[in-house]
Amino acid sequence: MEFLSLTTILFFALLGSLAGFLAGLLGIGGGVILVPLFIWAFKVSGFHPDIIVHLAFGTSLAIIIPTALSSTFGHRKRGNVNWHHVVFLAAGGTIGAFVGATVASVIDGDWLKSLFGLMQIVVALQLTLFHPRLPPERDSEVPSWQLISVGFAGGAFSAFFGVGGGVVAVPLMIVLLQLPIHLAVGNSSALIVVSAVSGATAYLLYGWGDMNLPAFSYGYINILVAAIVAPFTIILARIGVRVAGRTSHDKLIRVFAIMLILVGLKMLYPALIALL
């Protein structure tokens, strides 16, 4: 398949739409879908194997920025974003994102791909097995150090794997911070904006000057791919927010979890074969 052929563009549009919808619905960044897509598309397009995984992570984070912004504005209109919380979450997320991206930049692409596949399986199990008892909105202010800690965890996870980080931040806000789920999802969307900006900036810097990069790449970010996919993720993210506000989405989560497991196993397969 040629890079940016009609088939590839349509496939990007489809997966970008799905990623955006899930970003708005579940308060995640959509990277768990975008990264496997990019790894596959960049490989068949003949990109240099040494930069494929890092380029997929960086490009995914660049697309997540406008997607998360769209989700945040949607949740804000419904009163599900606490800006006081977001300030401290963002402080921790900024630091965590640079730490995560720095570690990822020095790890071999094959190892990153295997770790990403393992992460997807763990996330899928979390989505299907983790059912916390949702507490009422706490009647006291959340300690700032807890907000910073949750932000750091979400930011580090986001930048290391090139995803939004909501799969970590949302459960932590529910269990540790004792926030209602809709507020946790809204705050997570705002945190993802900050984490994605920090992580994408780090991938841009660490990949700057790499001689193996394809055209339209600035560091480990391909702006042409980002420009094609981002509009679809933005539009569908707002639709996902609307659906999240008025529906119970347990069945969708289960279907999503099954898909994550299948994709994760596929990405882990080469590593498993090498061990046997």
C-alpha atoms as a PDB file:
ATOM      1  CA  MET A   1       0.000   0.000   0.000  1.00  0.00           C
ATOM      2  CA  GLU A   2       1.423   3.378  -1.001  1.00  0.00           C
ATOM      3  CA  PHE A   3       1.693   6.022   1.653  1.00  0.00           C
ATOM      4  CA  LEU A   4      -1.288   8.383   1.445  1.00  0.00           C
ATOM      5  CA  SER A   5      -3.037   6.400  -1.287  1.00  0.00           C
ATOM      6  CA  LEU A   6      -6.832   6.780  -1.335  1.00  0.00           C
ATOM      7  CA  THR A   7      -7.204   3.496   0.561  1.00  0.00           C
ATOM      8  CA  THR A   8      -4.773   4.617   3.253  1.00  0.00           C
ATOM      9  CA  ILE A   9      -6.457   8.016   3.625  1.00  0.00           C
ATOM     10  CA  LEU A  10      -9.892   6.404   3.989  1.00  0.00           C
ATOM     11  CA  PHE A  11      -8.479   3.977   6.552  1.00  0.00           C
ATOM     12  CA  PHE A  12      -6.914   6.866   8.476  1.00  0.00           C
ATOM     13  CA  ALA A  13     -10.275   8.671   8.406  1.00  0.00           C
ATOM     14  CA  LEU A  14     -12.155   5.625   9.715  1.00  0.00           C
ATOM     15  CA  LEU A  15      -9.744   4.886  12.550  1.00  0.00           C
ATOM     16  CA  GLY A  16      -9.397   8.571  13.388  1.00  0.00           C
ATOM     17  CA  SER A  17     -13.180   8.794  13.701  1.00  0.00           C
ATOM     18  CA  LEU A  18     -13.289   5.769  16.003  1.00  0.00           C
ATOM     19  CA  ALA A  19     -10.419   7.121  18.094  1.00  0.00           C
ATOM     20  CA  GLY A  20     -12.136  10.488  18.465  1.00  0.00           C
ATOM     21  CA  PHE A  21     -15.472   8.967  19.445  1.00  0.00           C
ATOM     22  CA  LEU A  22     -13.871   6.808  22.134  1.00  0.00           C
ATOM     23  CA  ALA A  23     -11.831   9.786  23.357  1.00  0.00           C
ATOM     24  CA  GLY A  24     -14.991  11.762  24.051  1.00  0.00           C
ATOM     25  CA  LEU A  25     -16.988   8.816  25.354  1.00  0.00           C
ATOM     26  CA  LEU A  26     -14.446   7.322  27.749  1.00  0.00           C
ATOM     27  CA  GLY A  27     -12.199  10.290  28.562  1.00  0.00           C
ATOM     28  CA  ILE A  28      -9.177   8.685  26.882  1.00  0.00           C
ATOM     29  CA  GLY A  29      -6.921  10.207  24.263  1.00  0.00           C
ATOM     30  CA  GLY A  30      -7.571   7.759  21.435  1.00  0.00           C
ATOM     31  CA  GLY A  31      -3.919   6.762  21.142  1.00  0.00           C
ATOM     32  CA  VAL A  32      -4.652   3.110  21.945  1.00  0.00           C
ATOM     33  CA  ILE A  33      -6.214   2.992  18.480  1.00  0.00           C
ATOM     34  CA  LEU A  34      -4.038   5.514  16.647  1.00  0.00           C
ATOM     35  CA  VAL A  35      -0.664   4.050  17.632  1.00  0.00           C
ATOM     36  CA  PRO A  36      -1.288   0.499  16.270  1.00  0.00           C
ATOM     37  CA  LEU A  37      -2.764   2.071  13.125  1.00  0.00           C
ATOM     38  CA  PHE A  38       0.291   4.234  12.569  1.00  0.00           C
ATOM     39  CA  ILE A  39       2.755   1.422  13.263  1.00  0.00           C
ATOM     40  CA  TRP A  40       1.008  -0.677  10.613  1.00  0.00           C
ATOM     41  CA  ALA A  41       0.610   2.153   8.077  1.00  0.00           C
ATOM     42  CA  PHE A  42       4.169   3.435   8.479  1.00  0.00           C
ATOM     43  CA  LYS A  43       5.563  -0.077   8.054  1.00  0.00           C
ATOM     44  CA  VAL A  44       3.682  -0.836   4.831  1.00  0.00           C
ATOM     45  CA  SER A  45       4.579   2.633   3.575  1.00  0.00           C
ATOM     46  CA  GLY A  46       8.256   1.726   3.735  1.00  0.00           C
ATOM     47  CA  PHE A  47       9.356   4.026   6.547  1.00  0.00           C
ATOM     48  CA  HIS A  48      12.680   3.220   8.157  1.00  0.00           C
ATOM     49  CA  PRO A  49      12.102   0.525  10.830  1.00  0.00           C
ATOM     50  CA  ASP A  50      14.233   2.310  13.418  1.00  0.00           C
ATOM     51  CA  ILE A  51      11.858   5.286  13.640  1.00  0.00           C
ATOM     52  CA  ILE A  52       8.427   3.734  13.020  1.00  0.00           C
ATOM     53  CA  VAL A  53       7.378   3.230  16.656  1.00  0.00           C
ATOM     54  CA  HIS A  54       8.681   6.566  17.914  1.00  0.00           C
ATOM     55  CA  LEU A  55       7.101   8.352  14.927  1.00  0.00           C
ATOM     56  CA  ALA A  56       3.790   6.612  15.679  1.00  0.00           C
ATOM     57  CA  PHE A  57       3.927   7.732  19.332  1.00  0.00           C
ATOM     58  CA  GLY A  58       4.826  11.349  18.524  1.00  0.00           C
ATOM     59  CA  THR A  59       2.252  11.709  15.733  1.00  0.00           C
ATOM     60  CA  SER A  60      -0.421  10.158  17.940  1.00  0.00           C
ATOM     61  CA  LEU A  61       0.266  12.690  20.697  1.00  0.00           C
ATOM     62  CA  ALA A  62       0.107  15.581  18.211  1.00  0.00           C
ATOM     63  CA  ILE A  63      -3.356  14.449  17.084  1.00  0.00           C
ATOM     64  CA  ILE A  64      -4.517  13.911  20.657  1.00  0.00           C
ATOM     65  CA  ILE A  65      -4.001  17.620  21.451  1.00  0.00           C
ATOM     66  CA  PRO A  66      -6.941  19.009  19.402  1.00  0.00           C
ATOM     67  CA  THR A  67      -9.027  15.904  20.131  1.00  0.00           C
ATOM     68  CA  ALA A  68      -8.642  16.348  23.886  1.00  0.00           C
ATOM     69  CA  LEU A  69      -9.351  20.069  23.549  1.00  0.00           C
ATOM     70  CA  SER A  70     -12.600  19.252  21.774  1.00  0.00           C
ATOM     71  CA  SER A  71     -13.548  16.774  24.495  1.00  0.00           C
ATOM     72  CA  THR A  72     -12.634  19.249  27.244  1.00  0.00           C
ATOM     73  CA  PHE A  73     -14.832  22.016  25.841  1.00  0.00           C
ATOM     74  CA  GLY A  74     -17.701  19.556  25.541  1.00  0.00           C
ATOM     75  CA  HIS A  75     -17.349  18.387  29.148  1.00  0.00           C
ATOM     76  CA  ARG A  76     -16.927  21.973  30.375  1.00  0.00           C
ATOM     77  CA  LYS A  77     -20.304  22.934  28.926  1.00  0.00           C
ATOM     78  CA  ARG A  78     -21.824  20.180  31.047  1.00  0.00           C
ATOM     79  CA  GLY A  79     -20.057  21.388  34.198  1.00  0.00           C
ATOM     80  CA  ASN A  80     -17.759  18.369  34.360  1.00  0.00           C
ATOM     81  CA  VAL A  81     -14.401  20.169  34.498  1.00  0.00           C
ATOM     82  CA  ASN A  82     -13.013  21.593  37.757  1.00  0.00           C
ATOM     83  CA  TRP A  83     -10.338  24.101  36.720  1.00  0.00           C
ATOM     84  CA  HIS A  84      -8.840  24.239  40.210  1.00  0.00           C
ATOM     85  CA  HIS A  85      -8.193  20.505  39.952  1.00  0.00           C
ATOM     86  CA  VAL A  86      -6.881  20.852  36.407  1.00  0.00           C
ATOM     87  CA  VAL A  87      -4.181  23.366  37.398  1.00  0.00           C
ATOM     88  CA  PHE A  88      -2.536  20.907  39.793  1.00  0.00           C
ATOM     89  CA  LEU A  89      -3.167  17.910  37.536  1.00  0.00           C
ATOM     90  CA  ALA A  90      -1.489  19.833  34.709  1.00  0.00           C
ATOM     91  CA  ALA A  91       1.544  20.664  36.851  1.00  0.00           C
ATOM     92  CA  GLY A  92       2.154  16.994  37.557  1.00  0.00           C
ATOM     93  CA  GLY A  93       1.240  15.992  33.992  1.00  0.00           C
ATOM     94  CA  THR A  94       3.783  18.329  32.418  1.00  0.00           C
ATOM     95  CA  ILE A  95       6.645  16.876  34.445  1.00  0.00           C
ATOM     96  CA  GLY A  96       5.431  13.314  33.989  1.00  0.00           C
ATOM     97  CA  ALA A  97       5.116  13.721  30.215  1.00  0.00           C
ATOM     98  CA  PHE A  98       8.709  14.848  29.800  1.00  0.00           C
ATOM     99  CA  VAL A  99       9.906  11.998  31.997  1.00  0.00           C
ATOM    100  CA  GLY A 100       7.885   9.441  30.032  1.00  0.00           C
ATOM    101  CA  ALA A 101       8.997  10.732  26.631  1.00  0.00           C
ATOM    102  CA  THR A 102      12.643  10.882  27.738  1.00  0.00           C
ATOM    103  CA  VAL A 103      12.597   7.249  28.824  1.00  0.00           C
ATOM    104  CA  ALA A 104      10.785   6.139  25.649  1.00  0.00           C
ATOM    105  CA  SER A 105      13.250   7.984  23.396  1.00  0.00           C
ATOM    106  CA  VAL A 106      16.157   5.775  24.507  1.00  0.00           C
ATOM    107  CA  ILE A 107      14.306   2.443  24.282  1.00  0.00           C
ATOM    108  CA  ASP A 108      14.480   0.296  21.157  1.00  0.00           C
ATOM    109  CA  GLY A 109      11.381   0.423  18.941  1.00  0.00           C
ATOM    110  CA  ASP A 110      10.712  -3.323  19.131  1.00  0.00           C
ATOM    111  CA  TRP A 111      10.728  -3.192  22.914  1.00  0.00           C
ATOM    112  CA  LEU A 112       8.385  -0.208  22.886  1.00  0.00           C
ATOM    113  CA  LYS A 113       6.026  -2.042  20.534  1.00  0.00           C
ATOM    114  CA  SER A 114       5.941  -5.082  22.826  1.00  0.00           C
ATOM    115  CA  LEU A 115       5.402  -2.940  25.919  1.00  0.00           C
ATOM    116  CA  PHE A 116       2.597  -1.115  24.138  1.00  0.00           C
ATOM    117  CA  GLY A 117       0.907  -4.422  23.305  1.00  0.00           C
ATOM    118  CA  LEU A 118       1.209  -5.533  26.912  1.00  0.00           C
ATOM    119  CA  MET A 119      -0.189  -2.188  28.060  1.00  0.00           C
ATOM    120  CA  GLN A 120      -3.246  -2.628  25.834  1.00  0.00           C
ATOM    121  CA  ILE A 121      -4.006  -6.034  27.342  1.00  0.00           C
ATOM    122  CA  VAL A 122      -3.647  -4.668  30.892  1.00  0.00           C
ATOM    123  CA  VAL A 123      -5.914  -1.737  30.055  1.00  0.00           C
ATOM    124  CA  ALA A 124      -8.507  -4.096  28.561  1.00  0.00           C
ATOM    125  CA  LEU A 125      -8.508  -6.220  31.706  1.00  0.00           C
ATOM    126  CA  GLN A 126      -8.823  -3.078  33.799  1.00  0.00           C
ATOM    127  CA  LEU A 127     -11.825  -1.910  31.798  1.00  0.00           C
ATOM    128  CA  THR A 128     -13.623  -5.246  32.138  1.00  0.00           C
ATOM    129  CA  LEU A 129     -12.655  -6.295  35.669  1.00  0.00           C
ATOM    130  CA  PHE A 130     -12.280  -2.986  37.487  1.00  0.00           C
ATOM    131  CA  HIS A 131     -15.679  -1.786  38.704  1.00  0.00           C
ATOM    132  CA  PRO A 132     -15.154   0.633  41.568  1.00  0.00           C
ATOM    133  CA  ARG A 133     -17.986   1.683  43.817  1.00  0.00           C
ATOM    134  CA  LEU A 134     -18.546   5.231  42.666  1.00  0.00           C
ATOM    135  CA  PRO A 135     -18.395   7.555  45.690  1.00  0.00           C
ATOM    136  CA  PRO A 136     -20.466  10.713  46.064  1.00  0.00           C
ATOM    137  CA  GLU A 137     -18.723  13.984  45.322  1.00  0.00           C
ATOM    138  CA  ARG A 138     -16.402  14.600  48.225  1.00  0.00           C
ATOM    139  CA  ASP A 139     -17.328  17.394  50.600  1.00  0.00           C
ATOM    140  CA  SER A 140     -13.741  18.537  51.142  1.00  0.00           C
ATOM    141  CA  GLU A 141     -11.105  19.953  48.814  1.00  0.00           C
ATOM    142  CA  VAL A 142      -8.772  17.453  47.155  1.00  0.00           C
ATOM    143  CA  PRO A 143      -5.195  17.845  48.492  1.00  0.00           C
ATOM    144  CA  SER A 144      -2.954  19.459  45.900  1.00  0.00           C
ATOM    145  CA  TRP A 145      -0.244  16.799  46.267  1.00  0.00           C
ATOM    146  CA  GLN A 146      -2.743  14.099  45.319  1.00  0.00           C
ATOM    147  CA  LEU A 147      -3.777  16.028  42.212  1.00  0.00           C
ATOM    148  CA  ILE A 148      -0.131  16.536  41.230  1.00  0.00           C
ATOM    149  CA  SER A 149       0.622  12.834  41.772  1.00  0.00           C
ATOM    150  CA  VAL A 150      -2.301  11.715  39.627  1.00  0.00           C
ATOM    151  CA  GLY A 151      -1.281  14.232  36.957  1.00  0.00           C
ATOM    152  CA  PHE A 152       2.300  12.956  36.985  1.00  0.00           C
ATOM    153  CA  ALA A 153       1.164   9.335  36.579  1.00  0.00           C
ATOM    154  CA  GLY A 154      -1.171  10.228  33.730  1.00  0.00           C
ATOM    155  CA  GLY A 155       1.429  12.406  31.981  1.00  0.00           C
ATOM    156  CA  ALA A 156       4.222   9.839  32.242  1.00  0.00           C
ATOM    157  CA  PHE A 157       1.974   7.056  30.951  1.00  0.00           C
ATOM    158  CA  SER A 158       0.708   9.292  28.147  1.00  0.00           C
ATOM    159  CA  ALA A 159       4.109  10.291  26.791  1.00  0.00           C
ATOM    160  CA  PHE A 160       5.758   6.893  27.255  1.00  0.00           C
ATOM    161  CA  PHE A 161       3.102   5.091  25.192  1.00  0.00           C
ATOM    162  CA  GLY A 162       1.974   7.928  22.915  1.00  0.00           C
ATOM    163  CA  VAL A 163      -1.595   7.759  24.255  1.00  0.00           C
ATOM    164  CA  GLY A 164      -3.868  10.109  26.167  1.00  0.00           C
ATOM    165  CA  GLY A 165      -3.282   8.730  29.644  1.00  0.00           C
ATOM    166  CA  GLY A 166      -6.943   8.750  30.619  1.00  0.00           C
ATOM    167  CA  VAL A 167      -6.910   4.999  31.146  1.00  0.00           C
ATOM    168  CA  VAL A 168      -4.673   5.705  34.149  1.00  0.00           C
ATOM    169  CA  ALA A 169      -5.933   9.122  35.238  1.00  0.00           C
ATOM    170  CA  VAL A 170      -9.673   8.342  35.289  1.00  0.00           C
ATOM    171  CA  PRO A 171      -9.451   5.317  37.648  1.00  0.00           C
ATOM    172  CA  LEU A 172      -7.040   7.193  39.924  1.00  0.00           C
ATOM    173  CA  MET A 173      -9.391  10.173  40.144  1.00  0.00           C
ATOM    174  CA  ILE A 174     -12.300   7.892  40.984  1.00  0.00           C
ATOM    175  CA  VAL A 175     -10.516   5.762  43.598  1.00  0.00           C
ATOM    176  CA  LEU A 176      -7.812   8.016  45.050  1.00  0.00           C
ATOM    177  CA  LEU A 177      -9.415  11.436  44.675  1.00  0.00           C
ATOM    178  CA  GLN A 178     -12.984  10.154  45.157  1.00  0.00           C
ATOM    179  CA  LEU A 179     -14.429  12.184  42.308  1.00  0.00           C
ATOM    180  CA  PRO A 180     -17.685  11.308  40.511  1.00  0.00           C
ATOM    181  CA  ILE A 181     -17.043   9.512  37.219  1.00  0.00           C
ATOM    182  CA  HIS A 182     -18.318  12.311  34.967  1.00  0.00           C
ATOM    183  CA  LEU A 183     -16.072  14.843  36.706  1.00  0.00           C
ATOM    184  CA  ALA A 184     -13.138  12.418  36.505  1.00  0.00           C
ATOM    185  CA  VAL A 185     -13.669  11.992  32.753  1.00  0.00           C
ATOM    186  CA  GLY A 186     -13.940  15.767  32.232  1.00  0.00           C
ATOM    187  CA  ASN A 187     -10.825  16.512  34.293  1.00  0.00           C
ATOM    188  CA  SER A 188      -9.004  13.714  32.474  1.00  0.00           C
ATOM    189  CA  SER A 189      -9.754  15.304  29.094  1.00  0.00           C
ATOM    190  CA  ALA A 190      -8.205  18.593  30.288  1.00  0.00           C
ATOM    191  CA  LEU A 191      -5.179  16.765  31.715  1.00  0.00           C
ATOM    192  CA  ILE A 192      -4.698  14.934  28.415  1.00  0.00           C
ATOM    193  CA  VAL A 193      -4.332  18.273  26.606  1.00  0.00           C
ATOM    194  CA  VAL A 194      -1.401  19.247  28.808  1.00  0.00           C
ATOM    195  CA  SER A 195       0.197  15.787  28.751  1.00  0.00           C
ATOM    196  CA  ALA A 196      -0.105  15.543  24.972  1.00  0.00           C
ATOM    197  CA  VAL A 197       1.420  18.995  24.414  1.00  0.00           C
ATOM    198  CA  SER A 198       4.346  18.202  26.703  1.00  0.00           C
ATOM    199  CA  GLY A 199       4.859  14.716  25.275  1.00  0.00           C
ATOM    200  CA  ALA A 200       4.587  15.830  21.637  1.00  0.00           C
ATOM    201  CA  THR A 201       7.088  18.627  22.277  1.00  0.00           C
ATOM    202  CA  ALA A 202       9.526  16.138  23.765  1.00  0.00           C
ATOM    203  CA  TYR A 203       9.158  13.749  20.792  1.00  0.00           C
ATOM    204  CA  LEU A 204       9.680  16.656  18.413  1.00  0.00           C
ATOM    205  CA  LEU A 205      12.908  17.626  20.173  1.00  0.00           C
ATOM    206  CA  TYR A 206      14.293  14.109  20.614  1.00  0.00           C
ATOM    207  CA  GLY A 207      13.660  13.209  16.967  1.00  0.00           C
ATOM    208  CA  TRP A 208      14.916  16.477  15.513  1.00  0.00           C
ATOM    209  CA  GLY A 209      17.628  15.878  12.906  1.00  0.00           C
ATOM    210  CA  ASP A 210      17.083  12.107  12.628  1.00  0.00           C
ATOM    211  CA  MET A 211      18.199  11.268   9.091  1.00  0.00           C
ATOM    212  CA  ASN A 212      15.742   8.363   8.786  1.00  0.00           C
ATOM    213  CA  LEU A 213      12.617  10.492   9.077  1.00  0.00           C
ATOM    214  CA  PRO A 214      10.195  10.605   6.094  1.00  0.00           C
ATOM    215  CA  ALA A 215       8.955  13.783   4.420  1.00  0.00           C
ATOM    216  CA  PHE A 216       6.720  16.173   6.389  1.00  0.00           C
ATOM    217  CA  SER A 217       8.237  15.032   9.691  1.00  0.00           C
ATOM    218  CA  TYR A 218       9.333  17.420  12.412  1.00  0.00           C
ATOM    219  CA  GLY A 219      11.158  15.307  14.921  1.00  0.00           C
ATOM    220  CA  TYR A 220       9.050  12.246  15.636  1.00  0.00           C
ATOM    221  CA  ILE A 221       5.849  13.938  14.409  1.00  0.00           C
ATOM    222  CA  ASN A 222       4.538  13.608  10.862  1.00  0.00           C
ATOM    223  CA  ILE A 223       2.436  16.718  10.386  1.00  0.00           C
ATOM    224  CA  LEU A 224       0.843  15.547   7.116  1.00  0.00           C
ATOM    225  CA  VAL A 225      -0.629  12.438   8.751  1.00  0.00           C
ATOM    226  CA  ALA A 226      -1.707  14.514  11.741  1.00  0.00           C
ATOM    227  CA  ALA A 227      -3.457  17.009   9.451  1.00  0.00           C
ATOM    228  CA  ILE A 228      -5.427  14.219   7.746  1.00  0.00           C
ATOM    229  CA  VAL A 229      -6.524  12.389  10.903  1.00  0.00           C
ATOM    230  CA  ALA A 230      -7.091  15.249  13.370  1.00  0.00           C
ATOM    231  CA  PRO A 231     -10.304  16.707  11.841  1.00  0.00           C
ATOM    232  CA  PHE A 232     -12.059  13.349  12.113  1.00  0.00           C
ATOM    233  CA  THR A 233     -10.980  12.808  15.720  1.00  0.00           C
ATOM    234  CA  ILE A 234     -12.102  16.331  16.698  1.00  0.00           C
ATOM    235  CA  ILE A 235     -15.586  15.999  15.216  1.00  0.00           C
ATOM    236  CA  LEU A 236     -16.231  12.524  16.588  1.00  0.00           C
ATOM    237  CA  ALA A 237     -14.856  13.469  20.027  1.00  0.00           C
ATOM    238  CA  ARG A 238     -17.712  15.954  20.477  1.00  0.00           C
ATOM    239  CA  ILE A 239     -20.227  13.275  19.498  1.00  0.00           C
ATOM    240  CA  GLY A 240     -18.645  10.901  22.016  1.00  0.00           C
ATOM    241  CA  VAL A 241     -19.048  13.525  24.752  1.00  0.00           C
ATOM    242  CA  ARG A 242     -22.761  13.859  23.984  1.00  0.00           C
ATOM    243  CA  VAL A 243     -23.259  10.105  24.111  1.00  0.00           C
ATOM    244  CA  ALA A 244     -21.284   9.859  27.386  1.00  0.00           C
ATOM    245  CA  GLY A 245     -23.596  12.373  29.047  1.00  0.00           C
ATOM    246  CA  ARG A 246     -26.741  10.341  28.544  1.00  0.00           C
ATOM    247  CA  THR A 247     -25.913   6.668  28.324  1.00  0.00           C
ATOM    248  CA  SER A 248     -24.474   3.727  30.211  1.00  0.00           C
ATOM    249  CA  HIS A 249     -21.715   2.355  28.039  1.00  0.00           C
ATOM    250  CA  ASP A 250     -20.769  -0.953  29.733  1.00  0.00           C
ATOM    251  CA  LYS A 251     -21.364  -2.973  26.562  1.00  0.00           C
ATOM    252  CA  LEU A 252     -19.249  -0.629  24.472  1.00  0.00           C
ATOM    253  CA  ILE A 253     -16.446  -0.855  27.012  1.00  0.00           C
ATOM    254  CA  ARG A 254     -16.505  -4.663  26.770  1.00  0.00           C
ATOM    255  CA  VAL A 255     -16.322  -4.571  22.974  1.00  0.00           C
ATOM    256  CA  PHE A 256     -13.528  -2.016  23.167  1.00  0.00           C
ATOM    257  CA  ALA A 257     -11.666  -4.202  25.677  1.00  0.00           C
ATOM    258  CA  ILE A 258     -11.888  -7.246  23.394  1.00  0.00           C
ATOM    259  CA  MET A 259     -10.471  -5.208  20.522  1.00  0.00           C
ATOM    260  CA  LEU A 260      -7.599  -3.995  22.721  1.00  0.00           C
ATOM    261  CA  ILE A 261      -6.740  -7.556  23.715  1.00  0.00           C
ATOM    262  CA  LEU A 262      -6.668  -8.730  20.086  1.00  0.00           C
ATOM    263  CA  VAL A 263      -4.500  -5.807  18.960  1.00  0.00           C
ATOM    264  CA  GLY A 264      -2.244  -6.191  22.008  1.00  0.00           C
ATOM    265  CA  LEU A 265      -1.692  -9.889  21.333  1.00  0.00           C
ATOM    266  CA  LYS A 266      -0.860  -9.138  17.711  1.00  0.00           C
ATOM    267  CA  MET A 267       1.760  -6.591  18.752  1.00  0.00           C
ATOM    268  CA  LEU A 268       3.184  -8.975  21.351  1.00  0.00           C
ATOM    269  CA  TYR A 269       3.253 -11.946  18.964  1.00  0.00           C
ATOM    270  CA  PRO A 270       6.761 -11.334  17.487  1.00  0.00           C
ATOM    271  CA  ALA A 271       8.255 -10.985  20.981  1.00  0.00           C
ATOM    272  CA  LEU A 272       6.501 -14.140  22.190  1.00  0.00           C
ATOM    273  CA  ILE A 273       7.735 -16.124  19.170  1.00  0.00           C
ATOM    274  CA  ALA A 274      11.285 -14.901  19.794  1.00  0.00           C
ATOM    275  CA  LEU A 275      11.125 -16.177  23.374  1.00  0.00           C
ATOM    276  CA  LEU A 276       9.901 -19.649  22.383  1.00  0.00           C
END
